[in-house]
PDB file of N, CA and C in Angstrom:
ATOM      1  N   GLN A   1      88.346 116.436  93.341  1.00  0.00           N
ATOM      2  CA  GLN A   1      87.916 117.687  93.262  1.00  0.00           C
ATOM      3  C   GLN A   1      86.409 117.658  92.893  1.00  0.00           C
ATOM      4  N   ALA A   2      85.966 116.929  92.119  1.00  0.00           N
ATOM      5  CA  ALA A   2      84.276 116.342  91.728  1.00  0.00           C
ATOM      6  C   ALA A   2      83.484 116.597  93.078  1.00  0.00           C
ATOM      7  N   GLY A   3      84.140 115.753  94.020  1.00  0.00           N
ATOM      8  CA  GLY A   3      83.683 115.030  94.862  1.00  0.00           C
ATOM      9  C   GLY A   3      82.881 113.767  94.964  1.00  0.00           C
ATOM     10  N   ASP A   4      83.387 112.977  94.330  1.00  0.00           N
ATOM     11  CA  ASP A   4      82.914 111.605  93.722  1.00  0.00           C
ATOM     12  C   ASP A   4      84.172 111.082  94.499  1.00  0.00           C
ATOM     13  N   PHE A   5      83.585 110.850  96.085  1.00  0.00           N
ATOM     14  CA  PHE A   5      84.752 110.350  96.788  1.00  0.00           C
ATOM     15  C   PHE A   5      84.786 108.630  96.403  1.00  0.00           C
ATOM     16  N   ASP A   6      83.419 107.768  96.387  1.00  0.00           N
ATOM     17  CA  ASP A   6      83.321 106.481  96.009  1.00  0.00           C
ATOM     18  C   ASP A   6      83.963 105.827  94.638  1.00  0.00           C
ATOM     19  N   ALA A   7      84.024 107.040  93.639  1.00  0.00           N
ATOM     20  CA  ALA A   7      84.608 106.530  92.574  1.00  0.00           C
ATOM     21  C   ALA A   7      86.437 106.560  92.886  1.00  0.00           C
ATOM     22  N   ALA A   8      86.504 107.514  93.407  1.00  0.00           N
ATOM     23  CA  ALA A   8      88.280 107.605  93.746  1.00  0.00           C
ATOM     24  C   ALA A   8      88.218 106.359  94.459  1.00  0.00           C
ATOM     25  N   ILE A   9      87.783 106.356  95.705  1.00  0.00           N
ATOM     26  CA  ILE A   9      88.362 105.016  96.598  1.00  0.00           C
ATOM     27  C   ILE A   9      88.056 104.089  95.795  1.00  0.00           C
ATOM     28  N   SER A  10      87.332 103.850  94.922  1.00  0.00           N
ATOM     29  CA  SER A  10      87.468 102.369  93.985  1.00  0.00           C
ATOM     30  C   SER A  10      88.782 102.272  93.137  1.00  0.00           C
ATOM     31  N   LEU A  11      88.787 103.606  92.514  1.00  0.00           N
ATOM     32  CA  LEU A  11      90.045 103.957  91.316  1.00  0.00           C
ATOM     33  C   LEU A  11      91.283 103.550  92.213  1.00  0.00           C
ATOM     34  N   HIS A  12      91.557 104.016  93.204  1.00  0.00           N
ATOM     35  CA  HIS A  12      92.640 103.556  94.096  1.00  0.00           C
ATOM     36  C   HIS A  12      92.860 102.548  94.580  1.00  0.00           C
ATOM     37  N   GLY A  13      91.907 102.188  95.053  1.00  0.00           N
ATOM     38  CA  GLY A  13      91.647 100.426  95.886  1.00  0.00           C
ATOM     39  C   GLY A  13      91.715  99.935  94.753  1.00  0.00           C
ATOM     40  N   GLN A  14      91.396  99.520  93.270  1.00  0.00           N
ATOM     41  CA  GLN A  14      92.186  98.870  92.283  1.00  0.00           C
ATOM     42  C   GLN A  14      93.577  98.891  91.996  1.00  0.00           C
ATOM     43  N   ALA A  15      93.709 100.321  91.897  1.00  0.00           N
ATOM     44  CA  ALA A  15      95.609 100.514  91.754  1.00  0.00           C
ATOM     45  C   ALA A  15      96.105  99.660  92.991  1.00  0.00           C
ATOM     46  N   SER A  16      96.086  99.668  94.136  1.00  0.00           N
ATOM     47  CA  SER A  16      96.461  98.866  95.287  1.00  0.00           C
ATOM     48  C   SER A  16      96.470  97.383  95.302  1.00  0.00           C
ATOM     49  N   ASP A  17      95.141  97.030  95.048  1.00  0.00           N
ATOM     50  CA  ASP A  17      94.886  95.828  94.555  1.00  0.00           C
ATOM     51  C   ASP A  17      95.885  95.381  93.389  1.00  0.00           C
ATOM     52  N   GLN A  18      95.987  95.853  92.496  1.00  0.00           N
ATOM     53  CA  GLN A  18      96.726  95.460  91.002  1.00  0.00           C
ATOM     54  C   GLN A  18      98.299  95.677  91.508  1.00  0.00           C
ATOM     55  N   VAL A  19      98.685  96.383  92.514  1.00  0.00           N
ATOM     56  CA  VAL A  19     100.065  96.687  92.634  1.00  0.00           C
ATOM     57  C   VAL A  19     100.506  96.916  93.791  1.00  0.00           C
ATOM     58  N   PRO A  20     100.115  95.778  94.888  1.00  0.00           N
ATOM     59  CA  PRO A  20      99.914  95.874  96.101  1.00  0.00           C
ATOM     60  C   PRO A  20     101.214  96.279  97.325  1.00  0.00           C
ATOM     61  N   ASN A  21     102.466  96.099  96.385  1.00  0.00           N
ATOM     62  CA  ASN A  21     103.401  96.875  97.214  1.00  0.00           C
ATOM     63  C   ASN A  21     103.769  98.654  96.877  1.00  0.00           C
ATOM     64  N   SER A  22     102.770  99.056  95.996  1.00  0.00           N
ATOM     65  CA  SER A  22     102.807 100.465  95.659  1.00  0.00           C
ATOM     66  C   SER A  22     102.662 101.099  96.761  1.00  0.00           C
ATOM     67  N   ILE A  23     103.693 101.918  97.459  1.00  0.00           N
ATOM     68  CA  ILE A  23     103.331 103.060  98.228  1.00  0.00           C
ATOM     69  C   ILE A  23     102.473 104.329  97.640  1.00  0.00           C
ATOM     70  N   ASN A  24     102.606 104.642  96.826  1.00  0.00           N
ATOM     71  CA  ASN A  24     101.922 105.644  96.195  1.00  0.00           C
ATOM     72  C   ASN A  24     100.594 105.543  95.556  1.00  0.00           C
ATOM     73  N   SER A  25     100.063 104.339  95.737  1.00  0.00           N
ATOM     74  CA  SER A  25      98.716 103.663  95.130  1.00  0.00           C
ATOM     75  C   SER A  25      97.755 103.999  96.827  1.00  0.00           C
ATOM     76  N   ARG A  26      98.855 103.394  97.794  1.00  0.00           N
ATOM     77  CA  ARG A  26      98.288 103.386  99.036  1.00  0.00           C
ATOM     78  C   ARG A  26      97.939 104.321  99.510  1.00  0.00           C
ATOM     79  N   MET A  27      98.694 105.462  99.264  1.00  0.00           N
ATOM     80  CA  MET A  27      98.696 106.845 100.131  1.00  0.00           C
ATOM     81  C   MET A  27      97.371 107.665  99.345  1.00  0.00           C
ATOM     82  N   SER A  28      97.133 107.309  97.914  1.00  0.00           N
ATOM     83  CA  SER A  28      96.107 107.794  97.279  1.00  0.00           C
ATOM     84  C   SER A  28      95.023 107.060  97.951  1.00  0.00           C
ATOM     85  N   LEU A  29      94.950 105.724  98.024  1.00  0.00           N
ATOM     86  CA  LEU A  29      93.572 105.393  98.396  1.00  0.00           C
ATOM     87  C   LEU A  29      93.345 105.975 100.065  1.00  0.00           C
ATOM     88  N   LEU A  30      94.490 106.208 100.880  1.00  0.00           N
ATOM     89  CA  LEU A  30      94.087 107.041 102.127  1.00  0.00           C
ATOM     90  C   LEU A  30      94.077 108.364 102.067  1.00  0.00           C
ATOM     91  N   VAL A  31      94.157 109.269 100.668  1.00  0.00           N
ATOM     92  CA  VAL A  31      93.822 110.389 100.618  1.00  0.00           C
ATOM     93  C   VAL A  31      92.165 110.295 100.624  1.00  0.00           C
ATOM     94  N   SER A  32      91.684 109.392  99.602  1.00  0.00           N
ATOM     95  CA  SER A  32      90.568 109.345  99.002  1.00  0.00           C
ATOM     96  C   SER A  32      89.298 109.131 100.534  1.00  0.00           C
ATOM     97  N   LEU A  33      89.977 108.401 100.765  1.00  0.00           N
ATOM     98  CA  LEU A  33      89.198 107.518 102.447  1.00  0.00           C
ATOM     99  C   LEU A  33      89.124 108.827 103.239  1.00  0.00           C
ATOM    100  N   GLN A  34      90.101 109.552 103.881  1.00  0.00           N
ATOM    101  CA  GLN A  34      90.149 110.697 104.591  1.00  0.00           C
ATOM    102  C   GLN A  34      89.431 111.877 103.922  1.00  0.00           C
ATOM    103  N   LEU A  35      89.108 112.104 102.884  1.00  0.00           N
ATOM    104  CA  LEU A  35      88.637 112.904 102.481  1.00  0.00           C
ATOM    105  C   LEU A  35      86.593 112.619 102.273  1.00  0.00           C
ATOM    106  N   ALA A  36      86.682 111.209 102.072  1.00  0.00           N
ATOM    107  CA  ALA A  36      84.885 110.821 102.585  1.00  0.00           C
ATOM    108  C   ALA A  36      85.619 110.509 103.920  1.00  0.00           C
ATOM    109  N   THR A  37      85.765 110.726 104.410  1.00  0.00           N
ATOM    110  CA  THR A  37      85.678 111.300 106.034  1.00  0.00           C
ATOM    111  C   THR A  37      85.552 109.382 106.305  1.00  0.00           C
ATOM    112  N   ARG A  38      86.250 108.362 106.089  1.00  0.00           N
ATOM    113  CA  ARG A  38      85.875 107.143 105.915  1.00  0.00           C
ATOM    114  C   ARG A  38      87.075 106.474 106.962  1.00  0.00           C
ATOM    115  N   PHE A  39      87.405 107.053 107.981  1.00  0.00           N
ATOM    116  CA  PHE A  39      88.517 106.833 108.966  1.00  0.00           C
ATOM    117  C   PHE A  39      88.645 105.469 109.735  1.00  0.00           C
ATOM    118  N   GLU A  40      87.838 104.966 109.705  1.00  0.00           N
ATOM    119  CA  GLU A  40      87.859 103.457 109.955  1.00  0.00           C
ATOM    120  C   GLU A  40      88.373 102.250 108.967  1.00  0.00           C
ATOM    121  N   ASP A  41      88.355 102.977 107.592  1.00  0.00           N
ATOM    122  CA  ASP A  41      88.756 102.339 106.453  1.00  0.00           C
ATOM    123  C   ASP A  41      89.706 102.584 106.169  1.00  0.00           C
ATOM    124  N   MET A  42      90.477 103.431 106.894  1.00  0.00           N
ATOM    125  CA  MET A  42      91.826 103.842 106.730  1.00  0.00           C
ATOM    126  C   MET A  42      93.107 102.910 107.239  1.00  0.00           C
ATOM    127  N   THR A  43      92.231 102.125 108.714  1.00  0.00           N
ATOM    128  CA  THR A  43      93.466 102.012 109.449  1.00  0.00           C
ATOM    129  C   THR A  43      93.646 100.516 109.049  1.00  0.00           C
ATOM    130  N   ASP A  44      93.579  99.712 108.324  1.00  0.00           N
ATOM    131  CA  ASP A  44      94.465  98.571 107.751  1.00  0.00           C
ATOM    132  C   ASP A  44      95.336  99.054 106.689  1.00  0.00           C
ATOM    133  N   HIS A  45      94.841  99.814 105.751  1.00  0.00           N
ATOM    134  CA  HIS A  45      95.929 100.564 105.231  1.00  0.00           C
ATOM    135  C   HIS A  45      96.877 101.550 105.528  1.00  0.00           C
ATOM    136  N   ALA A  46      96.383 101.958 106.553  1.00  0.00           N
ATOM    137  CA  ALA A  46      97.728 103.110 107.143  1.00  0.00           C
ATOM    138  C   ALA A  46      98.380 102.109 108.146  1.00  0.00           C
ATOM    139  N   ARG A  47      98.191 100.965 108.187  1.00  0.00           N
ATOM    140  CA  ARG A  47      99.095  99.821 109.425  1.00  0.00           C
ATOM    141  C   ARG A  47     100.005  99.441 108.232  1.00  0.00           C
ATOM    142  N   TRP A  48      99.310  99.003 106.893  1.00  0.00           N
ATOM    143  CA  TRP A  48     100.185  98.297 106.157  1.00  0.00           C
ATOM    144  C   TRP A  48     101.368  99.330 105.853  1.00  0.00           C
ATOM    145  N   LEU A  49     101.101 100.714 105.681  1.00  0.00           N
ATOM    146  CA  LEU A  49     101.939 101.926 105.030  1.00  0.00           C
ATOM    147  C   LEU A  49     103.103 102.041 106.245  1.00  0.00           C
ATOM    148  N   LEU A  50     102.370 102.039 107.425  1.00  0.00           N
ATOM    149  CA  LEU A  50     103.608 102.008 108.535  1.00  0.00           C
ATOM    150  C   LEU A  50     104.923 101.053 108.363  1.00  0.00           C
ATOM    151  N   LYS A  51     104.274  99.902 108.266  1.00  0.00           N
ATOM    152  CA  LYS A  51     105.557  98.650 107.598  1.00  0.00           C
ATOM    153  C   LYS A  51     106.196  99.208 106.333  1.00  0.00           C
ATOM    154  N   ALA A  52     105.642  99.716 105.134  1.00  0.00           N
ATOM    155  CA  ALA A  52     106.180  99.673 104.068  1.00  0.00           C
ATOM    156  C   ALA A  52     107.193 100.647 104.251  1.00  0.00           C
ATOM    157  N   ALA A  53     106.830 101.993 104.939  1.00  0.00           N
ATOM    158  CA  ALA A  53     107.793 102.977 104.748  1.00  0.00           C
ATOM    159  C   ALA A  53     107.700 104.001 106.206  1.00  0.00           C
ATOM    160  N   PRO A  54     108.318 102.982 107.048  1.00  0.00           N
ATOM    161  CA  PRO A  54     108.351 103.611 108.420  1.00  0.00           C
ATOM    162  C   PRO A  54     108.980 104.721 109.019  1.00  0.00           C
ATOM    163  N   ASP A  55     109.818 105.458 107.649  1.00  0.00           N
ATOM    164  CA  ASP A  55     110.736 106.669 107.893  1.00  0.00           C
ATOM    165  C   ASP A  55     110.270 107.999 107.088  1.00  0.00           C
ATOM    166  N   ASP A  56     108.676 107.473 106.468  1.00  0.00           N
ATOM    167  CA  ASP A  56     108.064 108.855 106.062  1.00  0.00           C
ATOM    168  C   ASP A  56     107.321 109.432 106.436  1.00  0.00           C
ATOM    169  N   PRO A  57     107.435 110.441 106.989  1.00  0.00           N
ATOM    170  CA  PRO A  57     106.682 111.001 108.039  1.00  0.00           C
ATOM    171  C   PRO A  57     105.299 111.521 107.009  1.00  0.00           C
ATOM    172  N   GLN A  58     104.830 111.617 106.006  1.00  0.00           N
ATOM    173  CA  GLN A  58     103.319 111.288 105.236  1.00  0.00           C
ATOM    174  C   GLN A  58     102.701 110.076 105.653  1.00  0.00           C
ATOM    175  N   ALA A  59     103.654 108.868 105.665  1.00  0.00           N
ATOM    176  CA  ALA A  59     102.754 108.076 105.865  1.00  0.00           C
ATOM    177  C   ALA A  59     102.445 107.700 107.164  1.00  0.00           C
ATOM    178  N   LEU A  60     103.541 108.339 108.417  1.00  0.00           N
ATOM    179  CA  LEU A  60     103.194 108.140 109.774  1.00  0.00           C
ATOM    180  C   LEU A  60     102.267 108.914 109.965  1.00  0.00           C
ATOM    181  N   ARG A  61     101.953 110.015 109.401  1.00  0.00           N
ATOM    182  CA  ARG A  61     100.804 110.960 109.875  1.00  0.00           C
ATOM    183  C   ARG A  61      99.660 110.500 109.647  1.00  0.00           C
ATOM    184  N   PHE A  62      99.642 109.643 108.524  1.00  0.00           N
ATOM    185  CA  PHE A  62      98.159 108.844 107.993  1.00  0.00           C
ATOM    186  C   PHE A  62      98.037 108.034 109.300  1.00  0.00           C
ATOM    187  N   SER A  63      98.922 107.233 109.684  1.00  0.00           N
ATOM    188  CA  SER A  63      98.782 105.901 110.503  1.00  0.00           C
ATOM    189  C   SER A  63      97.954 106.680 112.016  1.00  0.00           C
ATOM    190  N   ILE A  64      98.761 108.137 112.116  1.00  0.00           N
ATOM    191  CA  ILE A  64      98.341 108.705 113.384  1.00  0.00           C
ATOM    192  C   ILE A  64      96.763 109.535 113.536  1.00  0.00           C
ATOM    193  N   GLN A  65      96.611 109.770 112.277  1.00  0.00           N
ATOM    194  CA  GLN A  65      95.515 110.194 111.811  1.00  0.00           C
ATOM    195  C   GLN A  65      94.414 109.388 111.987  1.00  0.00           C
ATOM    196  N   SER A  66      94.414 108.062 111.181  1.00  0.00           N
ATOM    197  CA  SER A  66      93.652 106.747 110.918  1.00  0.00           C
ATOM    198  C   SER A  66      93.550 106.182 112.416  1.00  0.00           C
ATOM    199  N   GLY A  67      94.844 106.268 112.919  1.00  0.00           N
ATOM    200  CA  GLY A  67      94.431 105.523 114.211  1.00  0.00           C
ATOM    201  C   GLY A  67      93.369 106.055 115.425  1.00  0.00           C
ATOM    202  N   VAL A  68      93.685 107.580 115.375  1.00  0.00           N
ATOM    203  CA  VAL A  68      92.884 108.389 116.454  1.00  0.00           C
ATOM    204  C   VAL A  68      91.495 108.873 115.922  1.00  0.00           C
ATOM    205  N   TRP A  69      90.994 109.192 114.958  1.00  0.00           N
ATOM    206  CA  TRP A  69      89.989 108.987 114.295  1.00  0.00           C
ATOM    207  C   TRP A  69      88.576 107.907 113.736  1.00  0.00           C
ATOM    208  N   GLY A  70      89.621 106.815 113.293  1.00  0.00           N
ATOM    209  CA  GLY A  70      89.210 105.619 113.149  1.00  0.00           C
ATOM    210  C   GLY A  70      88.953 104.512 113.994  1.00  0.00           C
ATOM    211  N   GLY A  71      89.267 105.213 115.316  1.00  0.00           N
ATOM    212  CA  GLY A  71      88.904 104.211 117.048  1.00  0.00           C
ATOM    213  C   GLY A  71      90.215 103.123 117.053  1.00  0.00           C
ATOM    214  N   ASP A  72      91.772 103.279 116.453  1.00  0.00           N
ATOM    215  CA  ASP A  72      92.488 102.363 117.029  1.00  0.00           C
ATOM    216  C   ASP A  72      93.882 103.080 117.354  1.00  0.00           C
ATOM    217  N   PRO A  73      93.923 103.712 118.423  1.00  0.00           N
ATOM    218  CA  PRO A  73      94.588 103.887 119.407  1.00  0.00           C
ATOM    219  C   PRO A  73      95.997 103.440 119.448  1.00  0.00           C
ATOM    220  N   GLU A  74      96.347 101.786 118.858  1.00  0.00           N
ATOM    221  CA  GLU A  74      97.468 101.309 118.868  1.00  0.00           C
ATOM    222  C   GLU A  74      98.081 101.766 117.474  1.00  0.00           C
ATOM    223  N   LEU A  75      97.407 102.281 116.798  1.00  0.00           N
ATOM    224  CA  LEU A  75      97.771 102.437 115.368  1.00  0.00           C
ATOM    225  C   LEU A  75      98.457 103.640 115.426  1.00  0.00           C
ATOM    226  N   ALA A  76      97.735 104.865 116.181  1.00  0.00           N
ATOM    227  CA  ALA A  76      98.031 105.747 116.349  1.00  0.00           C
ATOM    228  C   ALA A  76      99.422 106.261 117.394  1.00  0.00           C
ATOM    229  N   GLU A  77      99.403 105.332 118.455  1.00  0.00           N
ATOM    230  CA  GLU A  77     100.833 105.714 119.230  1.00  0.00           C
ATOM    231  C   GLU A  77     101.883 105.043 118.126  1.00  0.00           C
ATOM    232  N   ALA A  78     101.748 103.513 117.655  1.00  0.00           N
ATOM    233  CA  ALA A  78     102.790 103.519 116.900  1.00  0.00           C
ATOM    234  C   ALA A  78     103.295 104.102 115.755  1.00  0.00           C
ATOM    235  N   GLY A  79     102.519 104.414 115.242  1.00  0.00           N
ATOM    236  CA  GLY A  79     102.757 106.221 114.157  1.00  0.00           C
ATOM    237  C   GLY A  79     103.475 107.063 114.703  1.00  0.00           C
ATOM    238  N   TYR A  80     103.091 107.502 116.234  1.00  0.00           N
ATOM    239  CA  TYR A  80     103.758 108.342 117.029  1.00  0.00           C
ATOM    240  C   TYR A  80     105.493 107.869 116.822  1.00  0.00           C
ATOM    241  N   ARG A  81     105.039 106.948 117.426  1.00  0.00           N
ATOM    242  CA  ARG A  81     106.725 106.249 118.007  1.00  0.00           C
ATOM    243  C   ARG A  81     107.485 106.461 116.806  1.00  0.00           C
ATOM    244  N   ALA A  82     107.384 105.761 115.735  1.00  0.00           N
ATOM    245  CA  ALA A  82     107.818 105.930 114.278  1.00  0.00           C
ATOM    246  C   ALA A  82     108.231 107.087 113.766  1.00  0.00           C
ATOM    247  N   LEU A  83     107.182 108.233 114.105  1.00  0.00           N
ATOM    248  CA  LEU A  83     107.297 109.707 113.956  1.00  0.00           C
ATOM    249  C   LEU A  83     108.569 110.177 114.535  1.00  0.00           C
ATOM    250  N   LEU A  84     108.786 109.856 115.939  1.00  0.00           N
ATOM    251  CA  LEU A  84     109.455 110.220 116.636  1.00  0.00           C
ATOM    252  C   LEU A  84     110.930 110.064 116.471  1.00  0.00           C
ATOM    253  N   LYS A  85     111.250 108.946 115.914  1.00  0.00           N
ATOM    254  CA  LYS A  85     112.661 108.726 115.415  1.00  0.00           C
ATOM    255  C   LYS A  85     112.807 108.947 113.620  1.00  0.00           C
ATOM    256  N   ALA A  86     111.913 109.582 113.190  1.00  0.00           N
ATOM    257  CA  ALA A  86     111.852 109.721 111.783  1.00  0.00           C
ATOM    258  C   ALA A  86     112.009 111.233 111.840  1.00  0.00           C
ATOM    259  N   ASP A  87     111.319 111.847 112.297  1.00  0.00           N
ATOM    260  CA  ASP A  87     110.973 113.780 112.254  1.00  0.00           C
ATOM    261  C   ASP A  87     110.694 114.126 113.654  1.00  0.00           C
ATOM    262  N   PRO A  88     111.332 114.216 114.686  1.00  0.00           N
ATOM    263  CA  PRO A  88     111.155 114.496 115.980  1.00  0.00           C
ATOM    264  C   PRO A  88     110.470 116.026 116.270  1.00  0.00           C
ATOM    265  N   ARG A  89     110.647 116.676 115.450  1.00  0.00           N
ATOM    266  CA  ARG A  89     110.181 117.938 115.336  1.00  0.00           C
ATOM    267  C   ARG A  89     108.214 118.206 114.763  1.00  0.00           C
ATOM    268  N   GLN A  90     107.970 116.893 113.804  1.00  0.00           N
ATOM    269  CA  GLN A  90     106.711 116.631 113.687  1.00  0.00           C
ATOM    270  C   GLN A  90     105.977 115.700 114.588  1.00  0.00           C
ATOM    271  N   ALA A  91     106.863 114.923 115.721  1.00  0.00           N
ATOM    272  CA  ALA A  91     106.306 114.139 116.497  1.00  0.00           C
ATOM    273  C   ALA A  91     105.644 114.704 117.669  1.00  0.00           C
ATOM    274  N   GLN A  92     106.221 116.102 117.535  1.00  0.00           N
ATOM    275  CA  GLN A  92     105.680 116.922 118.946  1.00  0.00           C
ATOM    276  C   GLN A  92     103.984 117.785 118.252  1.00  0.00           C
ATOM    277  N   ALA A  93     104.121 118.176 117.458  1.00  0.00           N
ATOM    278  CA  ALA A  93     102.584 118.026 116.764  1.00  0.00           C
ATOM    279  C   ALA A  93     101.872 117.103 117.229  1.00  0.00           C
ATOM    280  N   ALA A  94     102.275 115.699 116.347  1.00  0.00           N
ATOM    281  CA  ALA A  94     101.370 114.809 116.373  1.00  0.00           C
ATOM    282  C   ALA A  94     101.043 114.546 117.578  1.00  0.00           C
ATOM    283  N   ARG A  95     101.783 114.481 118.824  1.00  0.00           N
ATOM    284  CA  ARG A  95     101.664 113.775 120.673  1.00  0.00           C
ATOM    285  C   ARG A  95     100.321 115.045 120.602  1.00  0.00           C
ATOM    286  N   ARG A  96     100.431 115.960 120.291  1.00  0.00           N
ATOM    287  CA  ARG A  96      99.566 117.210 120.791  1.00  0.00           C
ATOM    288  C   ARG A  96      97.933 116.780 119.898  1.00  0.00           C
ATOM    289  N   PHE A  97      98.024 116.438 119.135  1.00  0.00           N
ATOM    290  CA  PHE A  97      97.076 115.699 118.285  1.00  0.00           C
ATOM    291  C   PHE A  97      96.347 114.979 118.825  1.00  0.00           C
ATOM    292  N   ILE A  98      97.162 113.468 119.049  1.00  0.00           N
ATOM    293  CA  ILE A  98      96.828 112.407 119.628  1.00  0.00           C
ATOM    294  C   ILE A  98      96.004 112.872 121.160  1.00  0.00           C
ATOM    295  N   ASP A  99      96.589 113.565 121.624  1.00  0.00           N
ATOM    296  CA  ASP A  99      96.623 113.891 123.507  1.00  0.00           C
ATOM    297  C   ASP A  99      95.081 114.750 123.341  1.00  0.00           C
ATOM    298  N   SER A 100      94.919 115.275 122.297  1.00  0.00           N
ATOM    299  CA  SER A 100      93.893 116.382 122.689  1.00  0.00           C
ATOM    300  C   SER A 100      92.383 115.805 121.798  1.00  0.00           C
ATOM    301  N   GLU A 101      92.538 114.451 121.210  1.00  0.00           N
ATOM    302  CA  GLU A 101      91.164 114.124 121.014  1.00  0.00           C
ATOM    303  C   GLU A 101      90.442 114.498 120.295  1.00  0.00           C
ATOM    304  N   PRO A 102      90.714 115.095 118.666  1.00  0.00           N
ATOM    305  CA  PRO A 102      90.002 115.925 118.362  1.00  0.00           C
ATOM    306  C   PRO A 102      88.822 115.308 117.659  1.00  0.00           C
ATOM    307  N   PRO A 103      87.826 116.102 117.861  1.00  0.00           N
ATOM    308  CA  PRO A 103      86.327 115.537 117.229  1.00  0.00           C
ATOM    309  C   PRO A 103      86.525 114.820 115.912  1.00  0.00           C
ATOM    310  N   VAL A 104      86.149 113.599 115.541  1.00  0.00           N
ATOM    311  CA  VAL A 104      85.872 113.425 113.977  1.00  0.00           C
ATOM    312  C   VAL A 104      85.485 114.158 113.055  1.00  0.00           C
ATOM    313  N   PRO A 105      86.197 114.684 111.983  1.00  0.00           N
ATOM    314  CA  PRO A 105      85.206 115.565 111.151  1.00  0.00           C
ATOM    315  C   PRO A 105      83.991 114.672 110.161  1.00  0.00           C
ATOM    316  N   ARG A 106      83.329 115.428 109.878  1.00  0.00           N
ATOM    317  CA  ARG A 106      82.170 115.289 109.312  1.00  0.00           C
ATOM    318  C   ARG A 106      81.892 115.302 107.850  1.00  0.00           C
ATOM    319  N   ARG A 107      81.695 114.679 107.126  1.00  0.00           N
ATOM    320  CA  ARG A 107      81.819 114.888 105.507  1.00  0.00           C
ATOM    321  C   ARG A 107      80.418 116.313 105.258  1.00  0.00           C
ATOM    322  N   ARG A 108      80.667 117.013 104.392  1.00  0.00           N
ATOM    323  CA  ARG A 108      79.508 118.243 104.246  1.00  0.00           C
ATOM    324  C   ARG A 108      79.131 117.686 103.050  1.00  0.00           C
TER     325      ARG A 108
END
């Protein structure tokens, strides 16, 4: 809320390091990285989350978004395939997002 993204990333990164199998701490880290527009830094964490929570639509959306904006189209496609199984309705919107190649948001 205060816009101190570096501190939030550090905090959530430490939480993920201390509890490496925590899906919640990894999602919090991804949110912080997303708000900081550090999409390339999201890809490894999103890939981990894709494996750890392959049926969680939110986790799968992170993999798609970080793949598209982080320059990892294979990750985006893997997230899409998983989302197609987990929630086909959301997968339709995800396919449009991937195919539209939206510009990478810039931090304000």
